[in-house]
N, C-alpha and C. Protein backbone atom coordinates (compact mmCIF):
# COMPACT_ATOMS: atom_id res chain seq x y z
N MET A 1 0.80 -1.20 -0.04
CA MET A 1 -0.04 0.10 0.05
C MET A 1 0.96 1.37 -0.05
N ASN A 2 0.81 2.28 -0.96
CA ASN A 2 1.44 3.26 -0.89
C ASN A 2 0.83 4.51 -0.03
N LYS A 3 1.32 5.59 -0.17
CA LYS A 3 1.01 6.73 0.81
C LYS A 3 -0.58 7.09 0.25
N CYS A 4 -0.57 7.19 -1.02
CA CYS A 4 -2.02 7.66 -1.52
C CYS A 4 -3.17 6.59 -1.25
N GLU A 5 -2.81 5.39 -1.02
CA GLU A 5 -3.75 4.33 -0.83
C GLU A 5 -4.29 4.36 0.67
N LEU A 6 -3.24 4.84 1.56
CA LEU A 6 -3.40 4.92 2.98
C LEU A 6 -4.17 6.20 3.11
N ALA A 7 -4.08 7.07 2.51
CA ALA A 7 -4.86 8.37 2.56
C ALA A 7 -6.33 8.16 2.23
N ASN A 8 -6.36 7.49 1.18
CA ASN A 8 -7.83 6.96 0.65
C ASN A 8 -8.51 6.22 1.73
N SER A 9 -7.86 5.41 2.24
CA SER A 9 -8.59 4.57 3.44
C SER A 9 -8.97 5.41 4.47
N VAL A 10 -8.03 6.37 4.89
CA VAL A 10 -8.34 7.34 6.07
C VAL A 10 -9.53 8.04 5.64
N LYS A 11 -9.70 8.47 4.42
CA LYS A 11 -10.73 9.44 3.91
C LYS A 11 -12.04 8.47 4.08
N SER A 12 -11.86 7.30 3.44
CA SER A 12 -13.16 6.42 3.37
C SER A 12 -13.69 6.20 4.79
N SER A 13 -12.69 5.87 5.67
CA SER A 13 -13.12 5.62 7.06
C SER A 13 -13.79 6.86 7.55
N LEU A 14 -13.40 7.98 7.47
CA LEU A 14 -13.89 9.20 7.75
C LEU A 14 -15.19 9.63 7.09
N ASP A 15 -15.38 9.18 5.96
CA ASP A 15 -16.81 9.44 5.36
C ASP A 15 -17.79 8.41 6.18
N GLN A 16 -17.36 7.20 6.20
CA GLN A 16 -18.17 6.50 7.08
C GLN A 16 -18.57 6.84 8.41
N TYR A 17 -17.52 7.49 9.18
CA TYR A 17 -17.71 8.07 10.46
C TYR A 17 -18.91 9.07 10.39
N PHE A 18 -18.72 9.90 9.63
CA PHE A 18 -19.66 11.13 9.65
C PHE A 18 -20.98 10.65 9.21
N LYS A 19 -21.04 9.54 8.25
CA LYS A 19 -22.59 9.15 8.07
C LYS A 19 -22.90 8.45 9.15
N ASP A 20 -22.19 7.67 10.13
CA ASP A 20 -22.77 7.05 11.21
C ASP A 20 -23.07 7.95 12.19
N LEU A 21 -22.54 9.23 12.30
CA LEU A 21 -22.92 10.40 13.27
C LEU A 21 -24.42 10.66 12.98
N ASP A 22 -24.97 10.57 11.83
CA ASP A 22 -26.36 10.72 11.66
C ASP A 22 -26.81 12.17 12.22
N GLY A 23 -26.02 13.32 11.91
CA GLY A 23 -26.29 14.49 12.32
C GLY A 23 -25.77 15.05 13.55
N GLU A 24 -25.38 14.07 14.43
CA GLU A 24 -24.74 14.37 15.68
C GLU A 24 -23.56 15.08 15.29
N PRO A 25 -23.05 16.16 16.30
CA PRO A 25 -21.90 16.89 16.13
C PRO A 25 -20.57 15.99 16.28
N PRO A 26 -19.67 16.02 15.51
CA PRO A 26 -18.38 15.35 15.77
C PRO A 26 -17.53 15.99 16.85
N HIS A 27 -16.72 15.11 17.62
CA HIS A 27 -15.94 15.63 18.74
C HIS A 27 -14.59 14.84 18.74
N ALA A 28 -13.57 15.74 18.98
CA ALA A 28 -12.11 15.18 19.07
C ALA A 28 -11.71 14.24 18.00
N ILE A 29 -12.08 14.56 16.72
CA ILE A 29 -11.67 13.56 15.60
C ILE A 29 -10.12 13.29 15.48
N TYR A 30 -9.45 14.43 15.77
CA TYR A 30 -8.02 14.34 15.59
C TYR A 30 -7.49 13.34 16.64
N ASP A 31 -7.83 13.42 17.84
CA ASP A 31 -7.14 12.41 18.92
C ASP A 31 -7.75 11.06 18.43
N MET A 32 -8.96 10.99 18.03
CA MET A 32 -9.62 9.60 17.62
C MET A 32 -8.74 8.93 16.61
N VAL A 33 -8.58 9.87 15.56
CA VAL A 33 -7.78 9.22 14.50
C VAL A 33 -6.62 8.63 14.74
N LEU A 34 -5.99 9.71 15.47
CA LEU A 34 -4.45 9.08 15.84
C LEU A 34 -4.42 7.99 16.64
N SER A 35 -5.22 8.00 17.60
CA SER A 35 -5.22 6.70 18.50
C SER A 35 -5.63 5.42 17.87
N CYS A 36 -6.63 5.55 16.71
CA CYS A 36 -6.91 4.37 16.00
C CYS A 36 -6.06 3.88 15.06
N ILE A 37 -4.91 4.73 14.71
CA ILE A 37 -3.84 4.52 13.80
C ILE A 37 -2.57 4.22 14.40
N GLU A 38 -2.27 5.09 15.41
CA GLU A 38 -0.99 4.74 16.24
C GLU A 38 -0.79 3.69 16.78
N LYS A 39 -1.63 3.14 17.55
CA LYS A 39 -1.40 1.83 18.20
C LYS A 39 -1.34 0.65 17.28
N PRO A 40 -1.89 0.50 16.30
CA PRO A 40 -1.68 -0.78 15.41
C PRO A 40 -0.37 -0.40 14.62
N LEU A 41 -0.02 0.83 14.49
CA LEU A 41 1.18 1.01 13.51
C LEU A 41 2.47 0.64 14.61
N LEU A 42 2.31 1.11 15.84
CA LEU A 42 3.45 0.90 16.61
C LEU A 42 3.52 -0.83 16.96
N GLU A 43 2.45 -1.41 17.07
CA GLU A 43 2.41 -2.80 17.40
C GLU A 43 3.08 -3.50 16.02
N TYR A 44 2.66 -3.08 14.84
CA TYR A 44 3.07 -3.87 13.68
C TYR A 44 4.84 -3.34 13.55
N VAL A 45 5.11 -2.32 13.67
CA VAL A 45 6.53 -2.04 13.70
C VAL A 45 7.42 -2.77 14.72
N MET A 46 6.72 -2.82 15.95
CA MET A 46 7.55 -3.40 16.87
C MET A 46 7.72 -4.96 16.53
N GLN A 47 6.53 -5.64 16.05
CA GLN A 47 6.80 -6.97 15.75
C GLN A 47 7.65 -7.14 14.54
N HIS A 48 7.70 -6.22 13.51
CA HIS A 48 8.55 -6.29 12.42
C HIS A 48 9.99 -6.10 12.95
N ALA A 49 10.33 -5.43 14.04
CA ALA A 49 11.64 -5.21 14.44
C ALA A 49 11.83 -6.05 15.54
N THR A 50 11.07 -7.13 15.62
CA THR A 50 11.26 -8.36 16.68
C THR A 50 11.51 -7.83 18.01
N GLY A 51 10.68 -6.76 18.42
CA GLY A 51 10.67 -6.18 19.76
C GLY A 51 12.05 -5.36 20.15
N ASN A 52 12.80 -5.07 18.98
CA ASN A 52 13.98 -4.14 19.26
C ASN A 52 13.48 -2.72 19.21
N GLN A 53 13.23 -2.06 20.20
CA GLN A 53 12.94 -0.49 20.31
C GLN A 53 13.67 0.49 19.58
N SER A 54 14.98 0.19 19.41
CA SER A 54 15.99 0.95 18.78
C SER A 54 15.72 0.95 17.38
N LYS A 55 15.44 -0.31 16.76
CA LYS A 55 15.26 -0.64 15.48
C LYS A 55 14.01 -0.07 15.05
N ALA A 56 13.06 -0.26 15.91
CA ALA A 56 11.58 0.22 15.67
C ALA A 56 11.47 1.69 15.50
N ALA A 57 12.34 2.26 16.62
CA ALA A 57 12.33 3.73 16.42
C ALA A 57 12.88 4.37 15.29
N GLU A 58 14.04 3.81 14.65
CA GLU A 58 14.62 4.11 13.62
C GLU A 58 13.66 3.87 12.33
N ILE A 59 12.99 2.93 12.20
CA ILE A 59 11.97 2.62 11.20
C ILE A 59 10.85 3.71 11.21
N LEU A 60 10.39 3.96 12.46
CA LEU A 60 9.51 5.05 12.54
C LEU A 60 9.84 6.56 12.45
N GLY A 61 11.07 6.69 12.64
CA GLY A 61 11.52 7.99 12.55
C GLY A 61 11.43 8.75 13.89
N LEU A 62 11.50 8.04 14.92
CA LEU A 62 11.10 8.47 16.31
C LEU A 62 12.38 8.45 17.23
N ASN A 63 12.40 9.26 18.17
CA ASN A 63 13.46 9.03 19.28
C ASN A 63 12.96 7.87 20.04
N ARG A 64 14.11 7.03 20.53
CA ARG A 64 13.86 5.85 21.11
C ARG A 64 12.96 6.14 22.66
N ASN A 65 13.20 7.15 23.18
CA ASN A 65 12.46 7.51 24.41
C ASN A 65 10.88 7.80 24.00
N THR A 66 10.76 8.50 22.91
CA THR A 66 9.29 8.88 22.53
C THR A 66 8.73 7.61 22.20
N LEU A 67 9.39 6.65 21.63
CA LEU A 67 8.66 5.34 21.22
C LEU A 67 8.24 4.53 22.63
N ARG A 68 9.36 4.61 23.58
CA ARG A 68 8.94 3.92 24.86
C ARG A 68 7.72 4.51 25.49
N LYS A 69 7.67 5.80 25.49
CA LYS A 69 6.43 6.46 26.01
C LYS A 69 5.16 6.09 25.44
N LYS A 70 5.26 5.98 24.20
CA LYS A 70 4.16 5.74 23.37
C LYS A 70 3.68 4.15 23.58
N ILE A 71 4.62 3.33 23.82
CA ILE A 71 4.40 1.94 24.11
C ILE A 71 3.86 1.77 25.51
N GLN A 72 4.27 2.41 26.28
CA GLN A 72 3.41 2.56 27.79
C GLN A 72 2.24 3.20 27.57
N GLN A 73 2.13 4.46 26.94
CA GLN A 73 0.54 4.84 26.63
C GLN A 73 -0.29 3.89 26.14
N TYR A 74 0.02 3.00 25.08
CA TYR A 74 -0.93 2.27 24.51
C TYR A 74 -0.84 0.90 25.13
N ASN A 75 -0.05 0.64 26.10
CA ASN A 75 0.14 -0.67 26.85
C ASN A 75 0.57 -1.88 25.79
N ILE A 76 1.40 -1.52 25.03
CA ILE A 76 1.97 -2.38 23.98
C ILE A 76 3.10 -3.29 24.83
N GLU A 77 2.94 -4.64 24.71
CA GLU A 77 4.21 -5.40 25.14
C GLU A 77 4.90 -6.01 24.15
């Protein structure tokens, strides 16, 4: 999947989200989207890096301490 396909998936999911609101006002979409995407991203990359946080941080383009905080935030083992 390239970047454009990922963007299209996000747009499609947001289209469905707004349809499902059925007129209710949206709230805190930014945080909702980030939390829905960030945890599986971190889990996948950690698995790809076979649990090596330094390697995962490099793949993600994050500082290792930032990655460690996010792992704790999402209770990823």
